[in-house]
Each structure stands twice: as C-alpha cells, then as structure tokens.
Amino acid sequence: MVKDGSKLELLVDIESRERRILETLKIAKKEKTLKSLTEIKGEVDKLAKNVAALEAATSTGGVIAELDIQTLTENLMRTLIALDEIYGEGELKLQRRKQVREEAVGFA
C-alpha cells in the first residue's frame, strides 16, 4: 500500500524495449523489401510481354525499330539494377535470387 508522501520509482526494462524496437524495425524492413520485390516483378512481367510482342512481330516478318530494342534493353537493365540494390535475408534473399535468375534467363 502506498502512503501519502511516499516516493515511487518506475523501472523500465530497457533491454526488452530495445528488443521490441529492433524487432519492429526488422519487420518493417522485410515488408519494404517484399514490396520492392513485388513491384519489380510487376515491371519484369510487363517487360516480358513487350519482349514477346517484339518476338511475335519478327516471327511474322515484321521489322522492329532499333529504338524499341534499345529502350527495352535499357528498361531491363534498369530493373536488374533496382533488383540488385535490394537486400534481403533468408526467404527474401532466396526470392530475390530466383527473380534475378528468371530475368536473366528469360530475356537472354
């Protein structure tokens, strides 16, 4: 029981608080990485459709402008660089590697 005029001392478990903050930051970083990977996958899918369209045009005897090929190549390289800048651990690292391989093999 606390009496009037008594002093109270509040104890804070700093280590526990630090662990919670670090865990929150770690989760936020994973979510950001996953979001970036998802966005890049969407871009790669769009670029794959462009490649397929160019391949279809050439298979029917169509002529492709060099600018179209150059633009597509630049976009692919830009996407690959963005993917390379993403750092992930564990599952995210494996997902990133898989995506890099798919992009490199799919457009070679």
N, C-alpha and C. Protein backbone atom coordinates (compact mmCIF):
# COMPACT_ATOMS: atom_id res chain seq x y z
N MET A 1 0.84 -1.17 0.00
CA MET A 1 0.00 0.00 0.00
C MET A 1 0.90 1.25 0.00
N VAL A 2 0.52 2.23 -0.76
CA VAL A 2 1.29 3.46 -0.89
C VAL A 2 0.68 4.50 0.02
N LYS A 3 1.52 5.14 0.79
CA LYS A 3 1.07 6.17 1.71
C LYS A 3 1.34 7.53 1.10
N ASP A 4 0.62 8.52 1.52
CA ASP A 4 0.83 9.89 1.04
C ASP A 4 2.25 10.31 1.35
N GLY A 5 2.88 10.95 0.37
CA GLY A 5 4.24 11.44 0.56
C GLY A 5 5.29 10.39 0.23
N SER A 6 4.86 9.17 -0.11
CA SER A 6 5.83 8.13 -0.45
C SER A 6 6.40 8.40 -1.84
N LYS A 7 7.59 7.96 -2.05
CA LYS A 7 8.22 8.09 -3.37
C LYS A 7 8.06 6.78 -4.11
N LEU A 8 7.72 6.89 -5.39
CA LEU A 8 7.60 5.71 -6.26
C LEU A 8 8.72 5.74 -7.28
N GLU A 9 9.22 4.60 -7.58
CA GLU A 9 10.28 4.51 -8.57
C GLU A 9 9.78 3.61 -9.70
N LEU A 10 9.81 4.13 -10.91
CA LEU A 10 9.34 3.40 -12.07
C LEU A 10 10.54 2.75 -12.74
N LEU A 11 10.48 1.46 -12.91
CA LEU A 11 11.56 0.73 -13.55
C LEU A 11 11.17 0.38 -14.98
N VAL A 12 12.06 0.64 -15.89
CA VAL A 12 11.81 0.34 -17.29
C VAL A 12 12.84 -0.67 -17.73
N ASP A 13 12.37 -1.73 -18.32
CA ASP A 13 13.28 -2.74 -18.84
C ASP A 13 13.78 -2.27 -20.21
N ILE A 14 14.92 -1.63 -20.20
CA ILE A 14 15.47 -1.04 -21.43
C ILE A 14 15.80 -2.10 -22.47
N GLU A 15 16.35 -3.20 -22.03
CA GLU A 15 16.71 -4.27 -22.98
C GLU A 15 15.48 -4.80 -23.69
N SER A 16 14.43 -5.02 -22.96
CA SER A 16 13.19 -5.52 -23.56
C SER A 16 12.63 -4.51 -24.55
N ARG A 17 12.68 -3.25 -24.17
CA ARG A 17 12.20 -2.19 -25.06
C ARG A 17 13.03 -2.13 -26.33
N GLU A 18 14.35 -2.24 -26.20
CA GLU A 18 15.24 -2.24 -27.37
C GLU A 18 14.95 -3.42 -28.28
N ARG A 19 14.73 -4.60 -27.68
CA ARG A 19 14.41 -5.79 -28.49
C ARG A 19 13.13 -5.59 -29.28
N ARG A 20 12.13 -5.02 -28.64
CA ARG A 20 10.85 -4.77 -29.34
C ARG A 20 11.05 -3.79 -30.49
N ILE A 21 11.82 -2.74 -30.25
CA ILE A 21 12.06 -1.74 -31.30
C ILE A 21 12.84 -2.37 -32.45
N LEU A 22 13.87 -3.15 -32.13
CA LEU A 22 14.65 -3.80 -33.18
C LEU A 22 13.80 -4.78 -33.98
N GLU A 23 12.95 -5.52 -33.31
CA GLU A 23 12.06 -6.46 -34.00
C GLU A 23 11.09 -5.72 -34.91
N THR A 24 10.57 -4.59 -34.44
CA THR A 24 9.67 -3.78 -35.26
C THR A 24 10.39 -3.26 -36.50
N LEU A 25 11.63 -2.80 -36.33
CA LEU A 25 12.41 -2.32 -37.47
C LEU A 25 12.70 -3.45 -38.45
N LYS A 26 13.00 -4.61 -37.93
CA LYS A 26 13.30 -5.77 -38.78
C LYS A 26 12.07 -6.15 -39.61
N ILE A 27 10.91 -6.15 -38.99
CA ILE A 27 9.67 -6.48 -39.69
C ILE A 27 9.37 -5.43 -40.76
N ALA A 28 9.58 -4.17 -40.43
CA ALA A 28 9.34 -3.09 -41.40
C ALA A 28 10.28 -3.21 -42.60
N LYS A 29 11.52 -3.58 -42.34
CA LYS A 29 12.49 -3.74 -43.43
C LYS A 29 12.09 -4.91 -44.33
N LYS A 30 11.64 -6.01 -43.73
CA LYS A 30 11.19 -7.16 -44.53
C LYS A 30 10.00 -6.78 -45.39
N GLU A 31 9.06 -6.05 -44.81
CA GLU A 31 7.88 -5.64 -45.57
C GLU A 31 8.26 -4.72 -46.73
N LYS A 32 9.20 -3.82 -46.49
CA LYS A 32 9.66 -2.92 -47.55
C LYS A 32 10.35 -3.70 -48.66
N THR A 33 11.18 -4.67 -48.29
CA THR A 33 11.87 -5.49 -49.27
C THR A 33 10.88 -6.30 -50.09
N LEU A 34 9.91 -6.89 -49.43
CA LEU A 34 8.90 -7.68 -50.12
C LEU A 34 8.09 -6.81 -51.08
N LYS A 35 7.76 -5.60 -50.65
CA LYS A 35 7.03 -4.68 -51.52
C LYS A 35 7.86 -4.32 -52.75
N SER A 36 9.14 -4.06 -52.55
CA SER A 36 10.03 -3.73 -53.68
C SER A 36 10.13 -4.90 -54.65
N LEU A 37 10.28 -6.10 -54.11
CA LEU A 37 10.35 -7.29 -54.97
C LEU A 37 9.07 -7.47 -55.77
N THR A 38 7.94 -7.23 -55.15
CA THR A 38 6.65 -7.36 -55.83
C THR A 38 6.52 -6.34 -56.95
N GLU A 39 6.94 -5.09 -56.68
CA GLU A 39 6.88 -4.05 -57.70
C GLU A 39 7.79 -4.38 -58.88
N ILE A 40 8.98 -4.87 -58.58
CA ILE A 40 9.92 -5.21 -59.65
C ILE A 40 9.40 -6.39 -60.45
N LYS A 41 8.78 -7.36 -59.79
CA LYS A 41 8.21 -8.49 -60.51
C LYS A 41 7.15 -8.01 -61.49
N GLY A 42 6.33 -7.05 -61.07
CA GLY A 42 5.33 -6.48 -61.97
C GLY A 42 5.97 -5.82 -63.19
N GLU A 43 7.05 -5.08 -62.96
CA GLU A 43 7.76 -4.45 -64.08
C GLU A 43 8.35 -5.49 -65.02
N VAL A 44 8.94 -6.53 -64.45
CA VAL A 44 9.53 -7.59 -65.27
C VAL A 44 8.45 -8.28 -66.10
N ASP A 45 7.29 -8.51 -65.52
CA ASP A 45 6.19 -9.12 -66.26
C ASP A 45 5.77 -8.26 -67.45
N LYS A 46 5.70 -6.93 -67.23
CA LYS A 46 5.36 -6.03 -68.33
C LYS A 46 6.43 -6.07 -69.43
N LEU A 47 7.68 -6.07 -69.00
CA LEU A 47 8.78 -6.11 -69.98
C LEU A 47 8.78 -7.44 -70.73
N ALA A 48 8.43 -8.52 -70.06
CA ALA A 48 8.35 -9.82 -70.72
C ALA A 48 7.28 -9.81 -71.81
N LYS A 49 6.17 -9.14 -71.54
CA LYS A 49 5.13 -9.01 -72.56
C LYS A 49 5.63 -8.21 -73.75
N ASN A 50 6.41 -7.17 -73.49
CA ASN A 50 6.99 -6.38 -74.59
C ASN A 50 7.95 -7.22 -75.42
N VAL A 51 8.76 -8.03 -74.75
CA VAL A 51 9.69 -8.91 -75.47
C VAL A 51 8.90 -9.90 -76.33
N ALA A 52 7.86 -10.48 -75.77
CA ALA A 52 7.04 -11.43 -76.52
C ALA A 52 6.40 -10.76 -77.73
N ALA A 53 5.97 -9.51 -77.57
CA ALA A 53 5.38 -8.78 -78.70
C ALA A 53 6.40 -8.54 -79.80
N LEU A 54 7.63 -8.19 -79.39
CA LEU A 54 8.69 -7.98 -80.39
C LEU A 54 9.04 -9.29 -81.09
N GLU A 55 9.09 -10.38 -80.33
CA GLU A 55 9.38 -11.68 -80.94
C GLU A 55 8.28 -12.08 -81.91
N ALA A 56 7.04 -11.83 -81.54
CA ALA A 56 5.92 -12.15 -82.42
C ALA A 56 5.99 -11.33 -83.71
N ALA A 57 6.36 -10.08 -83.57
CA ALA A 57 6.47 -9.21 -84.75
C ALA A 57 7.56 -9.69 -85.69
N THR A 58 8.69 -10.12 -85.15
CA THR A 58 9.77 -10.59 -86.02
C THR A 58 9.45 -11.95 -86.63
N SER A 59 8.71 -12.78 -85.92
CA SER A 59 8.40 -14.11 -86.45
C SER A 59 7.42 -14.03 -87.62
N THR A 60 6.65 -12.96 -87.70
CA THR A 60 5.73 -12.79 -88.82
C THR A 60 6.34 -11.93 -89.92
N GLY A 61 7.63 -11.68 -89.81
CA GLY A 61 8.32 -10.93 -90.85
C GLY A 61 8.30 -9.43 -90.64
N GLY A 62 7.85 -8.99 -89.50
CA GLY A 62 7.80 -7.57 -89.21
C GLY A 62 9.19 -7.00 -88.92
N VAL A 63 9.29 -5.70 -89.06
CA VAL A 63 10.54 -5.02 -88.80
C VAL A 63 10.42 -4.28 -87.46
N ILE A 64 11.47 -4.40 -86.66
CA ILE A 64 11.47 -3.75 -85.36
C ILE A 64 12.46 -2.60 -85.39
N ALA A 65 12.03 -1.47 -84.87
CA ALA A 65 12.91 -0.31 -84.82
C ALA A 65 13.99 -0.54 -83.77
N GLU A 66 15.19 -0.11 -84.11
CA GLU A 66 16.31 -0.26 -83.18
C GLU A 66 16.03 0.47 -81.86
N LEU A 67 15.30 1.56 -81.94
CA LEU A 67 14.96 2.33 -80.75
C LEU A 67 14.11 1.49 -79.79
N ASP A 68 13.20 0.67 -80.34
CA ASP A 68 12.37 -0.19 -79.49
C ASP A 68 13.23 -1.20 -78.73
N ILE A 69 14.17 -1.79 -79.42
CA ILE A 69 15.06 -2.77 -78.79
C ILE A 69 15.94 -2.09 -77.75
N GLN A 70 16.46 -0.93 -78.11
CA GLN A 70 17.34 -0.20 -77.19
C GLN A 70 16.58 0.23 -75.93
N THR A 71 15.37 0.72 -76.10
CA THR A 71 14.55 1.15 -74.96
C THR A 71 14.22 -0.04 -74.06
N LEU A 72 13.86 -1.15 -74.66
CA LEU A 72 13.54 -2.35 -73.88
C LEU A 72 14.77 -2.85 -73.13
N THR A 73 15.92 -2.84 -73.77
CA THR A 73 17.16 -3.26 -73.12
C THR A 73 17.50 -2.35 -71.95
N GLU A 74 17.36 -1.05 -72.14
CA GLU A 74 17.62 -0.10 -71.05
C GLU A 74 16.68 -0.33 -69.87
N ASN A 75 15.41 -0.57 -70.17
CA ASN A 75 14.44 -0.81 -69.10
C ASN A 75 14.77 -2.11 -68.35
N LEU A 76 15.18 -3.13 -69.09
CA LEU A 76 15.57 -4.38 -68.44
C LEU A 76 16.78 -4.18 -67.54
N MET A 77 17.76 -3.45 -68.01
CA MET A 77 18.96 -3.20 -67.21
C MET A 77 18.63 -2.37 -65.98
N ARG A 78 17.77 -1.37 -66.14
CA ARG A 78 17.37 -0.53 -65.01
C ARG A 78 16.65 -1.37 -63.95
N THR A 79 15.81 -2.29 -64.41
CA THR A 79 15.10 -3.16 -63.49
C THR A 79 16.06 -4.11 -62.79
N LEU A 80 17.01 -4.63 -63.52
CA LEU A 80 18.00 -5.53 -62.92
C LEU A 80 18.85 -4.80 -61.88
N ILE A 81 19.21 -3.56 -62.15
CA ILE A 81 19.98 -2.76 -61.19
C ILE A 81 19.14 -2.52 -59.93
N ALA A 82 17.86 -2.19 -60.11
CA ALA A 82 16.98 -1.97 -58.96
C ALA A 82 16.86 -3.25 -58.14
N LEU A 83 16.78 -4.37 -58.81
CA LEU A 83 16.70 -5.65 -58.11
C LEU A 83 17.99 -5.96 -57.38
N ASP A 84 19.09 -5.59 -57.98
CA ASP A 84 20.40 -5.84 -57.37
C ASP A 84 20.60 -5.00 -56.11
N GLU A 85 19.95 -3.85 -56.03
CA GLU A 85 20.09 -2.96 -54.87
C GLU A 85 19.28 -3.42 -53.67
N ILE A 86 18.40 -4.37 -53.88
CA ILE A 86 17.56 -4.86 -52.78
C ILE A 86 18.34 -5.87 -51.96
N TYR A 87 18.31 -5.66 -50.65
CA TYR A 87 18.97 -6.61 -49.75
C TYR A 87 17.91 -7.29 -48.92
N GLY A 88 17.97 -8.59 -48.89
CA GLY A 88 17.02 -9.35 -48.09
C GLY A 88 17.73 -10.48 -47.39
N GLU A 89 17.12 -10.95 -46.33
CA GLU A 89 17.69 -12.06 -45.58
C GLU A 89 16.76 -13.25 -45.67
N GLY A 90 17.32 -14.44 -45.56
CA GLY A 90 16.54 -15.66 -45.51
C GLY A 90 15.68 -15.85 -46.74
N GLU A 91 14.38 -15.97 -46.52
CA GLU A 91 13.41 -16.23 -47.58
C GLU A 91 13.43 -15.13 -48.65
N LEU A 92 13.56 -13.88 -48.22
CA LEU A 92 13.58 -12.76 -49.17
C LEU A 92 14.81 -12.82 -50.05
N LYS A 93 15.93 -13.25 -49.50
CA LYS A 93 17.16 -13.38 -50.28
C LYS A 93 16.99 -14.44 -51.36
N LEU A 94 16.37 -15.55 -51.00
CA LEU A 94 16.13 -16.62 -51.98
C LEU A 94 15.16 -16.15 -53.07
N GLN A 95 14.14 -15.41 -52.67
CA GLN A 95 13.18 -14.90 -53.64
C GLN A 95 13.85 -13.92 -54.60
N ARG A 96 14.72 -13.06 -54.08
CA ARG A 96 15.43 -12.11 -54.91
C ARG A 96 16.32 -12.83 -55.90
N ARG A 97 17.07 -13.84 -55.43
CA ARG A 97 17.94 -14.61 -56.32
C ARG A 97 17.15 -15.27 -57.44
N LYS A 98 16.01 -15.85 -57.08
CA LYS A 98 15.16 -16.50 -58.07
C LYS A 98 14.70 -15.50 -59.13
N GLN A 99 14.32 -14.32 -58.68
CA GLN A 99 13.85 -13.30 -59.61
C GLN A 99 14.98 -12.84 -60.53
N VAL A 100 16.19 -12.71 -60.00
CA VAL A 100 17.34 -12.31 -60.84
C VAL A 100 17.57 -13.37 -61.92
N ARG A 101 17.54 -14.63 -61.51
CA ARG A 101 17.76 -15.72 -62.48
C ARG A 101 16.68 -15.73 -63.55
N GLU A 102 15.43 -15.56 -63.13
CA GLU A 102 14.33 -15.55 -64.10
C GLU A 102 14.48 -14.42 -65.11
N GLU A 103 14.89 -13.27 -64.61
CA GLU A 103 15.05 -12.13 -65.51
C GLU A 103 16.20 -12.37 -66.47
N ALA A 104 17.31 -12.87 -65.95
CA ALA A 104 18.48 -13.10 -66.79
C ALA A 104 18.23 -14.19 -67.81
N VAL A 105 17.62 -15.28 -67.41
CA VAL A 105 17.36 -16.40 -68.33
C VAL A 105 16.21 -16.08 -69.27
N GLY A 106 15.19 -15.45 -68.77
CA GLY A 106 14.01 -15.17 -69.57
C GLY A 106 14.25 -14.22 -70.72
N PHE A 107 15.24 -13.37 -70.60
CA PHE A 107 15.47 -12.36 -71.65
C PHE A 107 16.79 -12.55 -72.38
N ALA A 108 17.43 -13.67 -72.15
CA ALA A 108 18.71 -13.92 -72.82
C ALA A 108 18.50 -14.35 -74.24
